[in-house]
Protein backbone atom coordinates (compact mmCIF):
# COMPACT_ATOMS: atom_id res chain seq x y z
CA UNK A 1 109.45 52.89 113.24
CA UNK A 2 108.99 55.77 111.37
CA UNK A 3 107.62 56.54 107.78
CA UNK A 4 107.27 59.53 105.44
CA UNK A 5 106.38 59.68 102.04
CA UNK A 6 106.30 63.01 100.07
CA UNK A 7 105.54 64.38 96.60
CA UNK A 8 108.16 67.44 96.11
CA UNK A 9 108.01 69.78 93.10
CA UNK A 10 110.58 72.60 92.34
CA UNK A 11 110.55 75.05 89.50
CA UNK A 12 113.21 77.78 89.01
CA UNK A 13 112.10 81.41 88.23
CA UNK A 14 113.39 83.51 85.49
CA UNK A 15 116.38 85.47 86.12
CA UNK A 16 119.86 84.91 87.75
CA UNK A 17 119.59 83.39 91.31
CA UNK A 18 121.17 80.91 93.60
CA UNK A 19 118.25 79.59 95.39
CA UNK A 20 117.04 77.47 92.49
CA UNK A 21 116.89 73.46 92.53
CA UNK A 22 120.49 73.13 91.34
CA UNK A 23 121.83 75.64 94.17
CA UNK A 24 123.61 77.17 91.31
CA UNK A 25 123.31 80.63 89.30
CA UNK A 26 120.48 80.25 86.69
CA UNK A 27 119.98 82.30 83.65
CA UNK A 28 117.84 79.25 81.85
CA UNK A 29 114.62 80.69 83.65
CA UNK A 30 111.38 78.77 83.55
CA UNK A 31 113.29 75.68 82.06
CA UNK A 32 114.05 74.10 85.31
CA UNK A 33 111.61 71.62 86.89
CA UNK A 34 111.98 68.87 89.52
CA UNK A 35 109.43 66.39 90.58
CA UNK A 36 110.47 63.92 93.30
CA UNK A 37 108.72 61.10 95.00
CA UNK A 38 110.77 60.84 98.49
CA UNK A 39 110.33 58.13 100.88
CA UNK A 40 112.18 58.04 104.31
CA UNK A 41 111.87 54.99 106.73
CA UNK A 42 113.86 54.64 109.86
CA UNK A 43 113.63 51.60 112.32
CA UNK A 44 115.01 52.05 115.86
CA UNK A 45 115.76 49.56 118.73
CA UNK A 46 116.99 50.11 122.00
CA UNK A 47 118.47 47.79 124.54
CA UNK A 48 117.40 48.71 127.95
CA UNK A 49 115.37 51.60 129.02
CA UNK A 50 116.19 54.98 128.19
CA UNK A 51 118.30 56.99 130.74
CA UNK A 52 119.41 53.68 132.46
CA UNK A 53 122.86 54.30 131.34
CA UNK A 54 123.58 50.79 130.19
CA UNK A 55 121.75 50.53 126.65
CA UNK A 56 122.97 50.03 123.04
CA UNK A 57 120.92 51.72 120.61
CA UNK A 58 120.74 50.85 116.77
CA UNK A 59 118.89 52.51 113.99
CA UNK A 60 118.58 51.75 110.37
CA UNK A 61 117.52 54.23 107.87
CA UNK A 62 116.59 53.85 104.19
CA UNK A 63 115.60 56.80 101.99
CA UNK A 64 114.59 56.34 98.24
CA UNK A 65 113.52 58.76 95.70
CA UNK A 66 112.39 58.89 92.03
CA UNK A 67 113.30 62.02 90.23
CA UNK A 68 111.84 63.58 87.07
CA UNK A 69 113.74 66.56 85.96
CA UNK A 70 114.03 69.07 83.03
CA UNK A 71 116.88 71.51 82.66
CA UNK A 72 116.39 73.49 79.48
CA UNK A 73 115.93 71.31 76.73
CA UNK A 74 117.41 68.24 78.79
CA UNK A 75 115.35 65.74 80.63
CA UNK A 76 116.58 63.40 83.42
CA UNK A 77 115.03 60.60 85.30
CA UNK A 78 116.61 58.37 88.09
CA UNK A 79 116.05 56.38 91.29
CA UNK A 80 118.40 57.44 93.98
CA UNK A 81 118.40 55.82 97.52
CA UNK A 82 120.49 56.24 100.91
CA UNK A 83 120.99 53.49 103.25
CA UNK A 84 122.32 54.38 106.85
CA UNK A 85 123.01 52.73 110.38
CA UNK A 86 123.57 54.08 113.58
CA UNK A 87 125.06 52.58 116.85
CA UNK A 88 124.87 54.52 120.33
CA UNK A 89 126.21 53.22 123.53
CA UNK A 90 124.94 54.79 126.73
CA UNK A 91 128.15 55.95 128.84
CA UNK A 92 125.68 56.96 131.73
CA UNK A 93 122.13 58.10 132.47
CA UNK A 94 122.37 61.02 130.06
CA UNK A 95 125.33 60.75 128.02
CA UNK A 96 126.27 58.39 124.93
CA UNK A 97 128.67 57.91 122.27
CA UNK A 98 127.60 57.02 118.83
CA UNK A 99 128.77 56.27 115.17
CA UNK A 100 126.95 56.76 111.92
CA UNK A 101 127.31 55.43 108.27
CA UNK A 102 125.39 56.16 105.01
CA UNK A 103 125.83 55.08 101.64
CA UNK A 104 123.83 57.25 98.90
CA UNK A 105 123.48 55.43 95.48
CA UNK A 106 122.23 56.36 92.11
CA UNK A 107 120.97 53.71 90.09
CA UNK A 108 121.19 55.30 86.90
CA UNK A 109 124.91 56.59 86.97
CA UNK A 110 125.96 54.06 89.40
CA UNK A 111 127.47 56.81 91.48
CA UNK A 112 127.99 56.30 95.15
CA UNK A 113 128.77 58.89 98.16
CA UNK A 114 129.56 57.76 101.70
CA UNK A 115 129.11 59.69 105.17
CA UNK A 116 130.84 58.21 108.43
CA UNK A 117 131.55 59.92 111.83
CA UNK A 118 131.36 59.76 115.35
CA UNK A 119 129.06 61.77 117.55
CA UNK A 120 128.70 62.40 121.39
CA UNK A 121 124.86 62.83 122.63
CA UNK A 122 123.67 64.32 125.92
CA UNK A 123 120.17 64.52 127.21
CA UNK A 124 119.33 67.39 129.27
CA UNK A 125 116.02 66.13 130.24
CA UNK A 126 113.10 63.71 129.38
CA UNK A 127 112.25 64.05 125.56
CA UNK A 128 115.33 66.04 124.77
CA UNK A 129 118.56 64.67 123.08
CA UNK A 130 121.32 66.99 121.78
CA UNK A 131 124.41 65.52 119.75
CA UNK A 132 127.66 67.00 118.32
CA UNK A 133 129.80 65.10 116.18
CA UNK A 134 132.08 65.26 112.91
CA UNK A 135 131.65 63.44 109.64
CA UNK A 136 134.98 62.38 108.51
CA UNK A 137 133.46 61.91 104.88
CA UNK A 138 129.99 63.29 103.79
CA UNK A 139 127.63 64.04 100.80
CA UNK A 140 124.90 66.39 100.40
CA UNK A 141 121.16 65.42 99.58
CA UNK A 142 118.53 67.96 100.45
CA UNK A 143 115.77 65.52 100.01
CA UNK A 144 117.18 63.40 102.77
CA UNK A 145 118.91 65.75 105.14
CA UNK A 146 115.89 66.31 107.39
CA UNK A 147 116.19 62.61 108.33
CA UNK A 148 119.95 62.44 108.94
CA UNK A 149 122.87 64.75 108.77
CA UNK A 150 125.34 63.43 105.96
CA UNK A 151 127.42 66.61 105.08
CA UNK A 152 131.23 66.33 105.80
CA UNK A 153 132.53 68.39 108.79
CA UNK A 154 131.11 69.32 112.58
CA UNK A 155 127.42 69.09 113.24
CA UNK A 156 125.08 69.66 116.20
CA UNK A 157 121.55 68.13 116.29
CA UNK A 158 118.65 68.30 118.66
CA UNK A 159 115.66 66.13 118.84
CA UNK A 160 112.54 66.79 121.01
CA UNK A 161 109.82 64.09 121.64
CA UNK A 162 106.22 65.45 121.77
CA UNK A 163 103.16 63.14 122.35
CA UNK A 164 99.81 63.07 124.06
CA UNK A 165 101.47 62.40 127.18
CA UNK A 166 104.04 64.85 127.48
CA UNK A 167 101.55 67.54 126.34
CA UNK A 168 99.16 66.70 128.95
CA UNK A 169 101.98 66.52 131.54
CA UNK A 170 102.75 70.15 130.63
CA UNK A 171 99.32 71.33 130.89
CA UNK A 172 98.88 69.93 134.36
CA UNK A 173 102.19 71.85 135.44
CA UNK A 174 100.88 74.87 134.01
CA UNK A 175 97.48 74.57 135.77
CA UNK A 176 99.30 73.61 139.04
CA UNK A 177 101.55 76.88 138.76
CA UNK A 178 98.29 79.11 138.01
CA UNK A 179 96.52 78.07 141.05
């Protein structure tokens, strides 16, 4: 289980730019402010040991954010959440096949968006996993994109696991090579 809570605040600078919080040209200047409380929760369960080549893996994701925004003289508030599910089946000790689906929901406007698509994963070594996939349908939300890829189209992801054991093993290998 992984949990992360963040407070994010963005303010657009004066002038015409495209790197502002709307991602669009801006001539309003300092009138664009966004404050967001963003929470990400991921729960993962695996049947069988990793690398055995016979396990199923399921992940459930819930992301939630409350937004307070000001764009010129207009003020906006709202609650948005994303619920996602991943299911993966090992095809061998280092290869797996997966399917992901997500739903984004804006509670104030009752708007929904979906993301769904297959992926193929590969683990070249312990603690490293890469996947390539294609979302048949997708959406964009920059507050949740670090936790899961939901845009439409092809994608490649990579995950690496670092913990106290992996750092200790690396240090021992380096010391052994130096001696």
